[in-house]
N, C-alpha and C. Protein backbone atom coordinates (compact mmCIF):
# COMPACT_ATOMS: atom_id res chain seq x y z
N MET A 1 0.83 -1.21 0.00
CA MET A 1 0.00 0.00 0.00
C MET A 1 0.87 1.27 0.00
N ARG A 2 1.93 1.23 0.83
CA ARG A 2 2.82 2.40 0.88
C ARG A 2 3.45 2.65 -0.48
N ARG A 3 3.83 1.56 -1.18
CA ARG A 3 4.42 1.72 -2.50
C ARG A 3 3.43 2.38 -3.46
N ILE A 4 2.16 1.97 -3.35
CA ILE A 4 1.13 2.54 -4.23
C ILE A 4 0.97 4.03 -3.96
N ILE A 5 0.95 4.41 -2.67
CA ILE A 5 0.80 5.82 -2.30
C ILE A 5 1.99 6.63 -2.80
N LYS A 6 3.20 6.07 -2.62
CA LYS A 6 4.39 6.78 -3.09
C LYS A 6 4.37 6.95 -4.60
N ALA A 7 3.93 5.89 -5.29
CA ALA A 7 3.87 5.97 -6.75
C ALA A 7 2.86 7.01 -7.19
N ALA A 8 1.71 7.05 -6.52
CA ALA A 8 0.68 8.03 -6.88
C ALA A 8 1.16 9.45 -6.62
N THR A 9 1.88 9.64 -5.53
CA THR A 9 2.41 10.96 -5.19
C THR A 9 3.43 11.41 -6.24
N ALA A 10 4.29 10.48 -6.65
CA ALA A 10 5.29 10.82 -7.65
C ALA A 10 4.66 11.20 -8.97
N ILE A 11 3.60 10.46 -9.36
CA ILE A 11 2.90 10.77 -10.60
C ILE A 11 2.25 12.14 -10.53
N ALA A 12 1.64 12.45 -9.39
CA ALA A 12 0.98 13.76 -9.21
C ALA A 12 1.99 14.89 -9.30
N MET A 13 3.17 14.68 -8.68
CA MET A 13 4.20 15.72 -8.73
C MET A 13 4.72 15.91 -10.14
N LEU A 14 4.88 14.81 -10.87
CA LEU A 14 5.35 14.89 -12.24
C LEU A 14 4.34 15.60 -13.12
N ALA A 15 3.06 15.27 -12.93
CA ALA A 15 2.01 15.92 -13.71
C ALA A 15 1.96 17.40 -13.43
N GLY A 16 2.16 17.78 -12.16
CA GLY A 16 2.14 19.19 -11.80
C GLY A 16 3.28 19.95 -12.44
N SER A 17 4.46 19.34 -12.48
CA SER A 17 5.61 20.00 -13.10
C SER A 17 5.43 20.15 -14.59
N MET A 18 4.70 19.19 -15.22
CA MET A 18 4.46 19.28 -16.66
C MET A 18 3.41 20.31 -17.00
N LEU A 19 2.43 20.49 -16.12
CA LEU A 19 1.35 21.43 -16.37
C LEU A 19 1.73 22.86 -16.05
N ALA A 20 2.71 23.07 -15.18
CA ALA A 20 3.07 24.42 -14.75
C ALA A 20 3.41 25.33 -15.92
N PRO A 21 4.25 24.90 -16.89
CA PRO A 21 4.55 25.79 -18.01
C PRO A 21 3.32 26.13 -18.82
N GLN A 22 2.33 25.17 -18.88
CA GLN A 22 1.13 25.41 -19.66
C GLN A 22 0.28 26.51 -19.05
N ALA A 23 0.40 26.70 -17.75
CA ALA A 23 -0.40 27.74 -17.08
C ALA A 23 -0.05 29.11 -17.61
N HIS A 24 1.18 29.27 -18.15
CA HIS A 24 1.62 30.55 -18.68
C HIS A 24 1.53 30.62 -20.20
N ALA A 25 0.97 29.54 -20.80
CA ALA A 25 0.96 29.49 -22.26
C ALA A 25 0.21 30.65 -22.87
N ALA A 26 -0.86 31.08 -22.21
CA ALA A 26 -1.66 32.18 -22.76
C ALA A 26 -0.91 33.50 -22.72
N PHE A 27 0.18 33.54 -21.96
CA PHE A 27 0.92 34.78 -21.83
C PHE A 27 2.18 34.82 -22.68
N VAL A 28 2.24 33.97 -23.68
CA VAL A 28 3.41 33.98 -24.56
C VAL A 28 3.51 35.34 -25.21
N GLY A 29 4.69 35.95 -25.10
CA GLY A 29 4.86 37.27 -25.68
C GLY A 29 4.81 38.32 -24.63
N LEU A 30 4.10 38.15 -23.55
CA LEU A 30 4.05 39.10 -22.46
C LEU A 30 4.87 38.60 -21.34
N PRO A 31 4.88 37.83 -21.15
CA PRO A 31 5.10 37.12 -19.97
C PRO A 31 6.32 37.13 -19.22
N GLY A 32 7.52 37.05 -19.90
CA GLY A 32 8.67 37.17 -19.05
C GLY A 32 8.66 38.43 -18.26
N MET A 33 8.21 39.54 -18.86
CA MET A 33 8.31 40.83 -18.17
C MET A 33 7.15 41.06 -17.22
N LEU A 34 6.08 40.26 -17.32
CA LEU A 34 4.95 40.48 -16.43
C LEU A 34 4.85 39.47 -15.31
N ARG A 35 5.67 38.46 -15.34
CA ARG A 35 5.58 37.47 -14.27
C ARG A 35 6.15 38.02 -12.97
N GLY A 36 7.07 38.95 -13.09
CA GLY A 36 7.63 39.58 -11.90
C GLY A 36 6.81 40.79 -11.49
N HIS A 37 7.27 41.46 -10.47
CA HIS A 37 6.57 42.65 -9.98
C HIS A 37 6.96 43.86 -10.82
N LEU A 38 5.97 44.54 -11.37
CA LEU A 38 6.23 45.72 -12.17
C LEU A 38 5.92 46.97 -11.37
N GLN A 39 6.24 48.11 -11.95
CA GLN A 39 6.04 49.36 -11.24
C GLN A 39 4.79 50.09 -11.72
N LYS A 40 4.30 50.93 -10.87
CA LYS A 40 3.14 51.75 -11.18
C LYS A 40 3.57 53.21 -11.34
N ILE A 41 2.85 53.93 -12.16
CA ILE A 41 3.09 55.36 -12.32
C ILE A 41 2.48 56.08 -11.13
N ALA A 42 3.26 56.87 -10.46
CA ALA A 42 2.75 57.64 -9.33
C ALA A 42 2.21 58.98 -9.84
N LEU A 43 1.02 59.32 -9.40
CA LEU A 43 0.42 60.58 -9.80
C LEU A 43 0.87 61.70 -8.88
N GLY A 44 1.28 62.81 -9.49
CA GLY A 44 1.67 63.98 -8.72
C GLY A 44 0.50 64.94 -8.56
N GLY A 45 0.80 66.21 -8.48
CA GLY A 45 -0.24 67.21 -8.30
C GLY A 45 -1.05 67.43 -9.57
N PRO A 46 -2.19 68.08 -9.43
CA PRO A 46 -3.05 68.34 -10.60
C PRO A 46 -2.40 69.28 -11.59
N THR A 47 -2.77 69.13 -12.84
CA THR A 47 -2.27 69.99 -13.90
C THR A 47 -3.36 70.16 -14.95
N LEU A 48 -3.18 71.09 -15.86
CA LEU A 48 -4.18 71.32 -16.89
C LEU A 48 -4.25 70.13 -17.84
N ALA A 49 -5.46 69.83 -18.30
CA ALA A 49 -5.63 68.79 -19.30
C ALA A 49 -5.17 69.32 -20.65
N PRO A 50 -4.70 68.47 -21.53
CA PRO A 50 -4.34 68.92 -22.88
C PRO A 50 -5.56 69.56 -23.55
N PHE A 51 -5.33 70.61 -24.32
CA PHE A 51 -6.43 71.30 -24.99
C PHE A 51 -7.22 70.34 -25.89
N GLY A 52 -6.50 69.45 -26.55
CA GLY A 52 -7.17 68.49 -27.42
C GLY A 52 -8.11 67.57 -26.67
N HIS A 53 -7.74 67.23 -25.43
CA HIS A 53 -8.61 66.35 -24.63
C HIS A 53 -9.86 67.09 -24.18
N THR A 54 -9.74 68.36 -23.89
CA THR A 54 -10.91 69.16 -23.51
C THR A 54 -11.92 69.19 -24.66
N LEU A 55 -11.43 69.40 -25.87
CA LEU A 55 -12.31 69.39 -27.04
C LEU A 55 -12.88 67.99 -27.27
N PHE A 56 -12.06 66.98 -27.04
CA PHE A 56 -12.51 65.60 -27.21
C PHE A 56 -13.69 65.30 -26.29
N CYS A 57 -13.61 65.73 -25.04
CA CYS A 57 -14.68 65.46 -24.07
C CYS A 57 -15.97 66.19 -24.43
N MET A 58 -15.85 67.30 -25.11
CA MET A 58 -17.05 67.99 -25.57
C MET A 58 -17.72 67.22 -26.69
N GLN A 59 -16.93 66.56 -27.51
CA GLN A 59 -17.47 65.80 -28.64
C GLN A 59 -17.89 64.38 -28.24
N TYR A 60 -17.14 63.79 -27.29
CA TYR A 60 -17.42 62.42 -26.85
C TYR A 60 -17.59 62.39 -25.32
N PRO A 61 -18.65 62.97 -24.78
CA PRO A 61 -18.81 63.03 -23.33
C PRO A 61 -18.87 61.66 -22.66
N GLY A 62 -19.37 60.66 -23.39
CA GLY A 62 -19.45 59.33 -22.81
C GLY A 62 -18.10 58.71 -22.51
N ASP A 63 -17.05 59.17 -23.20
CA ASP A 63 -15.71 58.65 -22.97
C ASP A 63 -14.97 59.43 -21.89
N CYS A 64 -15.62 60.39 -21.30
CA CYS A 64 -14.98 61.23 -20.29
C CYS A 64 -15.72 61.18 -18.96
N THR A 65 -16.43 60.07 -18.73
CA THR A 65 -17.12 59.89 -17.46
C THR A 65 -16.38 58.85 -16.63
N ALA A 66 -16.55 58.93 -15.32
CA ALA A 66 -15.85 58.02 -14.41
C ALA A 66 -16.50 56.64 -14.45
N SER A 67 -15.75 55.64 -13.99
CA SER A 67 -16.29 54.29 -13.90
C SER A 67 -17.45 54.26 -12.92
N HIS A 68 -18.38 53.36 -13.17
CA HIS A 68 -19.54 53.25 -12.29
C HIS A 68 -19.17 52.72 -10.91
N ASN A 69 -18.15 51.88 -10.85
CA ASN A 69 -17.75 51.27 -9.58
C ASN A 69 -16.78 52.19 -8.86
N HIS A 70 -17.31 53.00 -7.96
CA HIS A 70 -16.47 53.96 -7.23
C HIS A 70 -15.79 53.33 -6.01
N PHE A 71 -16.20 52.09 -5.66
CA PHE A 71 -15.67 51.48 -4.46
C PHE A 71 -14.40 50.68 -4.73
N ARG A 72 -14.15 50.36 -6.01
CA ARG A 72 -12.95 49.62 -6.35
C ARG A 72 -12.27 50.27 -7.56
N PRO A 73 -11.72 51.47 -7.33
CA PRO A 73 -11.12 52.20 -8.46
C PRO A 73 -9.68 51.81 -8.75
N GLY A 74 -9.22 50.71 -8.18
CA GLY A 74 -7.82 50.34 -8.34
C GLY A 74 -7.53 49.64 -9.65
N PRO A 75 -6.31 49.12 -9.78
CA PRO A 75 -5.92 48.42 -11.01
C PRO A 75 -6.71 47.13 -11.20
N ILE A 76 -6.70 46.63 -12.43
CA ILE A 76 -7.45 45.42 -12.75
C ILE A 76 -6.55 44.20 -12.76
N ALA A 77 -7.16 43.04 -12.59
CA ALA A 77 -6.42 41.79 -12.72
C ALA A 77 -6.25 41.49 -14.21
N LEU A 78 -5.04 41.18 -14.60
CA LEU A 78 -4.75 40.90 -16.01
C LEU A 78 -4.69 39.39 -16.22
N ASP A 79 -5.86 38.78 -16.46
CA ASP A 79 -5.85 37.35 -16.76
C ASP A 79 -5.57 37.15 -18.25
N ASP A 80 -5.49 35.89 -18.67
CA ASP A 80 -5.12 35.64 -20.06
C ASP A 80 -6.15 36.16 -21.05
N SER A 81 -7.43 36.13 -20.66
CA SER A 81 -8.47 36.64 -21.55
C SER A 81 -8.31 38.13 -21.79
N ARG A 82 -8.08 38.86 -20.72
CA ARG A 82 -7.90 40.31 -20.86
C ARG A 82 -6.60 40.64 -21.59
N TRP A 83 -5.56 39.88 -21.31
CA TRP A 83 -4.30 40.12 -21.98
C TRP A 83 -4.46 39.97 -23.50
N ASN A 84 -5.13 38.89 -23.92
CA ASN A 84 -5.34 38.66 -25.35
C ASN A 84 -6.19 39.77 -25.96
N GLU A 85 -7.19 40.22 -25.23
CA GLU A 85 -8.06 41.28 -25.73
C GLU A 85 -7.30 42.60 -25.87
N LEU A 86 -6.48 42.91 -24.88
CA LEU A 86 -5.68 44.13 -24.92
C LEU A 86 -4.70 44.09 -26.08
N ARG A 87 -4.03 42.99 -26.23
CA ARG A 87 -3.05 42.84 -27.32
C ARG A 87 -3.73 42.95 -28.68
N ASP A 88 -4.90 42.32 -28.82
CA ASP A 88 -5.61 42.34 -30.10
C ASP A 88 -6.11 43.74 -30.44
N ILE A 89 -6.67 44.44 -29.46
CA ILE A 89 -7.18 45.80 -29.70
C ILE A 89 -6.03 46.72 -30.09
N ASN A 90 -4.90 46.59 -29.42
CA ASN A 90 -3.75 47.44 -29.73
C ASN A 90 -3.32 47.26 -31.18
N ARG A 91 -3.23 46.02 -31.61
CA ARG A 91 -2.79 45.74 -32.97
C ARG A 91 -3.85 46.13 -34.00
N GLU A 92 -5.12 45.86 -33.68
CA GLU A 92 -6.19 46.18 -34.63
C GLU A 92 -6.29 47.68 -34.88
N VAL A 93 -6.24 48.46 -33.83
CA VAL A 93 -6.34 49.92 -33.98
C VAL A 93 -5.11 50.46 -34.70
N ASN A 94 -3.94 49.95 -34.35
CA ASN A 94 -2.72 50.40 -35.03
C ASN A 94 -2.78 50.12 -36.53
N GLY A 95 -3.45 49.02 -36.90
CA GLY A 95 -3.55 48.67 -38.30
C GLY A 95 -4.70 49.34 -39.03
N ALA A 96 -5.72 49.77 -38.26
CA ALA A 96 -6.92 50.32 -38.90
C ALA A 96 -6.80 51.81 -39.25
N ILE A 97 -5.98 52.53 -38.50
CA ILE A 97 -5.83 53.97 -38.74
C ILE A 97 -4.53 54.23 -39.49
N ARG A 98 -4.64 54.91 -40.61
CA ARG A 98 -3.44 55.26 -41.36
C ARG A 98 -2.84 56.53 -40.77
N TYR A 99 -1.57 56.45 -40.40
CA TYR A 99 -0.94 57.58 -39.71
C TYR A 99 -0.84 58.81 -40.61
N GLU A 100 -1.19 59.95 -40.04
CA GLU A 100 -1.08 61.23 -40.73
C GLU A 100 -0.59 62.26 -39.72
N HIS A 101 0.55 62.82 -39.97
CA HIS A 101 1.15 63.77 -39.02
C HIS A 101 0.36 65.08 -38.98
N ASN A 102 0.21 65.63 -37.77
CA ASN A 102 -0.44 66.92 -37.59
C ASN A 102 0.61 68.03 -37.65
N TYR A 103 0.63 68.76 -38.75
CA TYR A 103 1.62 69.82 -38.93
C TYR A 103 1.12 71.18 -38.41
N GLU A 104 -0.12 71.22 -37.93
CA GLU A 104 -0.69 72.49 -37.49
C GLU A 104 -0.55 72.73 -36.00
N GLY A 105 -0.02 71.77 -35.28
CA GLY A 105 0.15 71.95 -33.84
C GLY A 105 -1.18 71.95 -33.11
N ILE A 106 -1.28 72.78 -32.06
CA ILE A 106 -2.49 72.82 -31.24
C ILE A 106 -3.71 73.19 -32.07
N VAL A 107 -3.55 74.05 -33.04
CA VAL A 107 -4.68 74.46 -33.89
C VAL A 107 -5.27 73.26 -34.62
N GLY A 108 -4.43 72.32 -34.98
CA GLY A 108 -4.90 71.16 -35.73
C GLY A 108 -5.26 69.96 -34.88
N GLU A 109 -5.33 70.14 -33.55
CA GLU A 109 -5.65 69.02 -32.67
C GLU A 109 -7.08 68.54 -32.89
N ARG A 110 -7.23 67.29 -33.30
CA ARG A 110 -8.53 66.67 -33.48
C ARG A 110 -8.43 65.25 -32.94
N TRP A 111 -8.89 65.05 -31.72
CA TRP A 111 -8.85 63.72 -31.13
C TRP A 111 -10.13 63.00 -31.53
N LEU A 112 -10.02 62.06 -32.47
CA LEU A 112 -11.19 61.40 -33.02
C LEU A 112 -11.15 59.90 -32.77
N ILE A 113 -12.32 59.32 -32.59
CA ILE A 113 -12.44 57.88 -32.41
C ILE A 113 -12.60 57.21 -33.77
N ALA A 114 -11.70 56.29 -34.05
CA ALA A 114 -11.73 55.46 -35.26
C ALA A 114 -11.78 56.24 -36.58
N PRO A 115 -10.93 57.26 -36.75
CA PRO A 115 -10.87 57.92 -38.06
C PRO A 115 -10.10 57.05 -39.05
N LYS A 116 -10.25 57.32 -40.33
CA LYS A 116 -9.49 56.57 -41.33
C LYS A 116 -8.01 56.94 -41.28
N THR A 117 -7.74 58.23 -41.04
CA THR A 117 -6.36 58.70 -40.89
C THR A 117 -6.27 59.52 -39.60
N GLY A 118 -5.10 59.52 -38.99
CA GLY A 118 -4.96 60.29 -37.75
C GLY A 118 -3.57 60.16 -37.17
N ASP A 119 -3.38 60.81 -36.02
CA ASP A 119 -2.08 60.75 -35.36
C ASP A 119 -2.21 60.00 -34.04
N CYS A 120 -1.19 60.12 -33.18
CA CYS A 120 -1.14 59.34 -31.95
C CYS A 120 -2.35 59.55 -31.05
N ASN A 121 -2.90 60.76 -31.04
CA ASN A 121 -4.06 61.04 -30.20
C ASN A 121 -5.25 60.16 -30.59
N ASP A 122 -5.46 60.01 -31.89
CA ASP A 122 -6.59 59.22 -32.38
C ASP A 122 -6.41 57.74 -32.06
N TYR A 123 -5.19 57.25 -32.18
CA TYR A 123 -4.93 55.85 -31.82
C TYR A 123 -5.25 55.61 -30.34
N ALA A 124 -4.77 56.49 -29.48
CA ALA A 124 -4.92 56.29 -28.04
C ALA A 124 -6.39 56.34 -27.60
N VAL A 125 -7.13 57.35 -28.06
CA VAL A 125 -8.53 57.46 -27.62
C VAL A 125 -9.38 56.35 -28.22
N THR A 126 -9.02 55.87 -29.41
CA THR A 126 -9.77 54.78 -30.02
C THR A 126 -9.57 53.48 -29.25
N LYS A 127 -8.35 53.21 -28.83
CA LYS A 127 -8.08 52.00 -28.03
C LYS A 127 -8.83 52.05 -26.71
N ARG A 128 -8.81 53.20 -26.08
CA ARG A 128 -9.51 53.34 -24.80
C ARG A 128 -11.01 53.13 -25.00
N HIS A 129 -11.55 53.74 -26.05
CA HIS A 129 -12.98 53.62 -26.35
C HIS A 129 -13.37 52.16 -26.60
N GLU A 130 -12.57 51.45 -27.36
CA GLU A 130 -12.88 50.06 -27.70
C GLU A 130 -12.82 49.16 -26.47
N LEU A 131 -11.85 49.39 -25.60
CA LEU A 131 -11.74 48.58 -24.38
C LEU A 131 -12.89 48.86 -23.41
N ILE A 132 -13.27 50.12 -23.27
CA ILE A 132 -14.41 50.45 -22.42
C ILE A 132 -15.67 49.80 -22.96
N ALA A 133 -15.84 49.79 -24.28
CA ALA A 133 -17.01 49.18 -24.90
C ALA A 133 -17.06 47.68 -24.63
N ARG A 134 -15.92 47.08 -24.35
CA ARG A 134 -15.85 45.65 -24.05
C ARG A 134 -15.90 45.36 -22.56
N GLY A 135 -16.20 46.39 -21.77
CA GLY A 135 -16.40 46.18 -20.34
C GLY A 135 -15.23 46.50 -19.45
N TRP A 136 -14.15 47.02 -20.03
CA TRP A 136 -13.01 47.41 -19.18
C TRP A 136 -13.37 48.68 -18.41
N PRO A 137 -12.95 48.78 -17.15
CA PRO A 137 -13.26 49.98 -16.36
C PRO A 137 -12.46 51.20 -16.82
N ALA A 138 -13.13 52.33 -16.92
CA ALA A 138 -12.48 53.55 -17.38
C ALA A 138 -11.32 53.96 -16.47
N HIS A 139 -11.45 53.70 -15.17
CA HIS A 139 -10.40 54.15 -14.24
C HIS A 139 -9.07 53.41 -14.45
N ALA A 140 -9.09 52.30 -15.17
CA ALA A 140 -7.86 51.55 -15.42
C ALA A 140 -7.28 51.84 -16.79
N LEU A 141 -7.92 52.75 -17.55
CA LEU A 141 -7.47 53.09 -18.90
C LEU A 141 -7.21 54.59 -18.95
N LEU A 142 -5.96 54.97 -18.87
CA LEU A 142 -5.60 56.38 -18.73
C LEU A 142 -4.77 56.87 -19.91
N LEU A 143 -5.19 57.98 -20.47
CA LEU A 143 -4.39 58.63 -21.51
C LEU A 143 -3.21 59.33 -20.85
N ALA A 144 -2.07 59.30 -21.50
CA ALA A 144 -0.89 59.94 -20.92
C ALA A 144 -0.08 60.63 -22.01
N GLU A 145 0.42 61.81 -21.67
CA GLU A 145 1.26 62.57 -22.60
C GLU A 145 2.73 62.34 -22.26
N VAL A 146 3.51 62.03 -23.28
CA VAL A 146 4.93 61.80 -23.10
C VAL A 146 5.70 62.60 -24.15
N VAL A 147 7.01 62.62 -24.01
CA VAL A 147 7.88 63.23 -25.01
C VAL A 147 8.82 62.15 -25.51
N THR A 148 8.89 62.00 -26.83
CA THR A 148 9.74 60.97 -27.43
C THR A 148 11.21 61.36 -27.36
N THR A 149 12.06 60.42 -27.71
CA THR A 149 13.50 60.67 -27.70
C THR A 149 13.91 61.71 -28.74
N TRP A 150 13.06 61.94 -29.74
CA TRP A 150 13.37 62.97 -30.74
C TRP A 150 12.63 64.28 -30.47
N GLY A 151 12.05 64.40 -29.25
CA GLY A 151 11.50 65.67 -28.79
C GLY A 151 10.07 65.96 -29.18
N GLU A 152 9.33 64.97 -29.65
CA GLU A 152 7.95 65.20 -30.08
C GLU A 152 6.98 64.77 -28.99
N HIS A 153 5.94 65.58 -28.74
CA HIS A 153 4.91 65.21 -27.77
C HIS A 153 4.05 64.11 -28.38
N HIS A 154 3.71 63.15 -27.54
CA HIS A 154 3.10 61.92 -28.03
C HIS A 154 2.08 61.44 -27.00
N LEU A 155 0.96 60.85 -27.46
CA LEU A 155 -0.08 60.37 -26.55
C LEU A 155 -0.12 58.85 -26.59
N VAL A 156 -0.18 58.23 -25.42
CA VAL A 156 -0.28 56.77 -25.31
C VAL A 156 -1.41 56.41 -24.36
N LEU A 157 -1.79 55.15 -24.38
CA LEU A 157 -2.78 54.63 -23.44
C LEU A 157 -2.07 53.81 -22.38
N VAL A 158 -2.30 54.16 -21.11
CA VAL A 158 -1.73 53.41 -19.99
C VAL A 158 -2.83 52.51 -19.41
N VAL A 159 -2.51 51.25 -19.26
CA VAL A 159 -3.45 50.28 -18.68
C VAL A 159 -2.94 49.91 -17.30
N ARG A 160 -3.74 50.21 -16.28
CA ARG A 160 -3.33 49.98 -14.90
C ARG A 160 -3.77 48.59 -14.46
N THR A 161 -2.81 47.68 -14.26
CA THR A 161 -3.10 46.32 -13.84
C THR A 161 -2.45 46.05 -12.49
N LYS A 162 -2.87 44.98 -11.87
CA LYS A 162 -2.30 44.60 -10.58
C LYS A 162 -0.85 44.16 -10.73
N LYS A 163 -0.44 43.86 -11.97
CA LYS A 163 0.94 43.49 -12.22
C LYS A 163 1.81 44.71 -12.52
N GLY A 164 1.19 45.88 -12.68
CA GLY A 164 1.93 47.09 -13.01
C GLY A 164 1.28 47.82 -14.16
N ASP A 165 1.77 49.00 -14.49
CA ASP A 165 1.21 49.82 -15.56
C ASP A 165 1.84 49.46 -16.90
N LEU A 166 0.97 49.24 -17.89
CA LEU A 166 1.40 48.86 -19.22
C LEU A 166 1.07 49.96 -20.21
N VAL A 167 1.77 49.97 -21.34
CA VAL A 167 1.58 51.00 -22.35
C VAL A 167 1.13 50.37 -23.66
N ALA A 168 -0.01 50.86 -24.18
CA ALA A 168 -0.48 50.50 -25.52
C ALA A 168 -0.15 51.70 -26.41
N ASP A 169 0.78 51.49 -27.33
CA ASP A 169 1.38 52.58 -28.08
C ASP A 169 1.07 52.45 -29.57
N SER A 170 1.05 53.56 -30.26
CA SER A 170 0.86 53.53 -31.71
C SER A 170 2.19 53.35 -32.44
N ILE A 171 3.29 53.55 -31.75
CA ILE A 171 4.60 53.39 -32.36
C ILE A 171 5.06 51.94 -32.29
N GLU A 172 4.74 51.28 -31.18
CA GLU A 172 5.15 49.89 -30.98
C GLU A 172 3.91 48.98 -31.03
N GLN A 173 4.05 47.81 -31.64
CA GLN A 173 2.95 46.85 -31.69
C GLN A 173 2.80 46.08 -30.38
N ASP A 174 3.88 45.91 -29.65
CA ASP A 174 3.84 45.13 -28.42
C ASP A 174 3.45 45.98 -27.22
N ILE A 175 2.70 45.37 -26.31
CA ILE A 175 2.36 46.01 -25.05
C ILE A 175 3.60 45.94 -24.15
N ARG A 176 3.96 47.06 -23.52
CA ARG A 176 5.17 47.11 -22.72
C ARG A 176 4.91 47.70 -21.34
N PRO A 177 5.71 47.33 -20.35
CA PRO A 177 5.66 48.05 -19.07
C PRO A 177 6.04 49.50 -19.31
N TRP A 178 5.47 50.41 -18.56
CA TRP A 178 5.73 51.83 -18.81
C TRP A 178 7.20 52.18 -18.60
N THR A 179 7.87 51.44 -17.71
CA THR A 179 9.28 51.71 -17.46
C THR A 179 10.17 51.28 -18.63
N LYS A 180 9.63 50.47 -19.54
CA LYS A 180 10.39 50.03 -20.70
C LYS A 180 10.15 50.94 -21.91
N SER A 181 9.31 51.94 -21.75
CA SER A 181 9.05 52.88 -22.84
C SER A 181 10.06 54.02 -22.75
N PRO A 182 10.76 54.32 -23.83
CA PRO A 182 11.85 55.31 -23.79
C PRO A 182 11.36 56.74 -23.87
N TYR A 183 10.44 57.09 -22.99
CA TYR A 183 9.83 58.41 -23.06
C TYR A 183 10.09 59.23 -21.80
N GLN A 184 9.93 60.51 -21.94
CA GLN A 184 9.87 61.41 -20.78
C GLN A 184 8.39 61.61 -20.49
N TRP A 185 7.98 61.27 -19.29
CA TRP A 185 6.56 61.30 -18.95
C TRP A 185 6.17 62.68 -18.45
N VAL A 186 5.06 63.22 -18.98
CA VAL A 186 4.66 64.60 -18.71
C VAL A 186 3.44 64.66 -17.80
N ARG A 187 2.33 64.10 -18.24
CA ARG A 187 1.08 64.15 -17.46
C ARG A 187 0.19 62.99 -17.85
N ILE A 188 -0.82 62.71 -16.98
CA ILE A 188 -1.66 61.55 -17.18
C ILE A 188 -3.07 61.84 -16.65
N GLN A 189 -4.04 61.18 -17.21
CA GLN A 189 -5.42 61.33 -16.76
C GLN A 189 -5.57 60.88 -15.30
N SER A 190 -6.49 61.49 -14.60
CA SER A 190 -6.82 61.04 -13.26
C SER A 190 -7.73 59.82 -13.34
N PRO A 191 -7.46 58.76 -12.59
CA PRO A 191 -8.33 57.58 -12.63
C PRO A 191 -9.71 57.84 -12.01
N LYS A 192 -9.81 58.83 -11.12
CA LYS A 192 -11.09 59.12 -10.48
C LYS A 192 -11.97 60.02 -11.33
N THR A 193 -11.36 61.01 -11.97
CA THR A 193 -12.11 61.96 -12.79
C THR A 193 -11.40 62.11 -14.13
N PRO A 194 -11.92 61.48 -15.18
CA PRO A 194 -11.22 61.45 -16.47
C PRO A 194 -10.96 62.81 -17.10
N THR A 195 -11.73 63.82 -16.73
CA THR A 195 -11.50 65.16 -17.30
C THR A 195 -10.36 65.88 -16.60
N PHE A 196 -9.91 65.36 -15.46
CA PHE A 196 -8.80 65.95 -14.72
C PHE A 196 -7.51 65.20 -15.08
N TRP A 197 -6.40 65.93 -15.07
CA TRP A 197 -5.10 65.32 -15.34
C TRP A 197 -4.15 65.63 -14.20
N ALA A 198 -3.10 64.81 -14.09
CA ALA A 198 -2.12 64.96 -13.03
C ALA A 198 -0.71 64.90 -13.61
N MET A 199 0.21 65.52 -12.91
CA MET A 199 1.62 65.41 -13.26
C MET A 199 2.13 64.03 -12.86
N ILE A 200 3.26 63.64 -13.37
CA ILE A 200 3.85 62.36 -13.01
C ILE A 200 4.70 62.54 -11.77
N GLY A 201 4.42 61.75 -10.73
CA GLY A 201 5.16 61.84 -9.49
C GLY A 201 6.33 60.88 -9.46
N LYS A 202 6.81 60.59 -8.27
CA LYS A 202 7.91 59.65 -8.12
C LYS A 202 7.41 58.23 -8.33
N THR A 203 8.28 57.39 -8.87
CA THR A 203 7.93 56.01 -9.16
C THR A 203 7.61 55.25 -7.89
N GLN A 204 6.51 54.47 -7.94
CA GLN A 204 6.14 53.61 -6.84
C GLN A 204 6.71 52.21 -7.08
N ALA A 205 7.13 51.57 -6.01
CA ALA A 205 7.64 50.20 -6.15
C ALA A 205 6.48 49.23 -6.22
């Protein structure tokens, strides 16, 4: 009997070791960088919202309202289903909008959802809109303004997860931790009130 129990235990342990890698199979492509503890963007003091976002909220008020769940405004759990959905939306939107540079500056700011042509602002708000339409909470989807390495102001979508803050970018096809994005961070939407923005504070561990 003892031999049978030992044999059964050994088989169970072997099966567990074989199944463990499969548990991460859905995270292929994300995963080495998300299995560990990632960092969150710390919000600093309040600052003015980008002029383009103010106009955007006048045109799309439904995309500028707070999440209905005020009791749990924290980051979301990133399971494999959500990860796949986030990755797919990022790639679909990047492929659906043909990039067109805005040479008019602030005067030419037009933050539009799903235009045929557009710049980084249109990509970011479209991704946020599509994810909210699929049931993602607005407080976990924050627009953020950054400066690229070549000195251009750029808009990205930050996804706040329990594993850390991720970036859905129009320049890169892959979802990345915000600390892996080579940008200077300027300001970000408030998770409590989407029409309010905040400066970037010190990094949280």
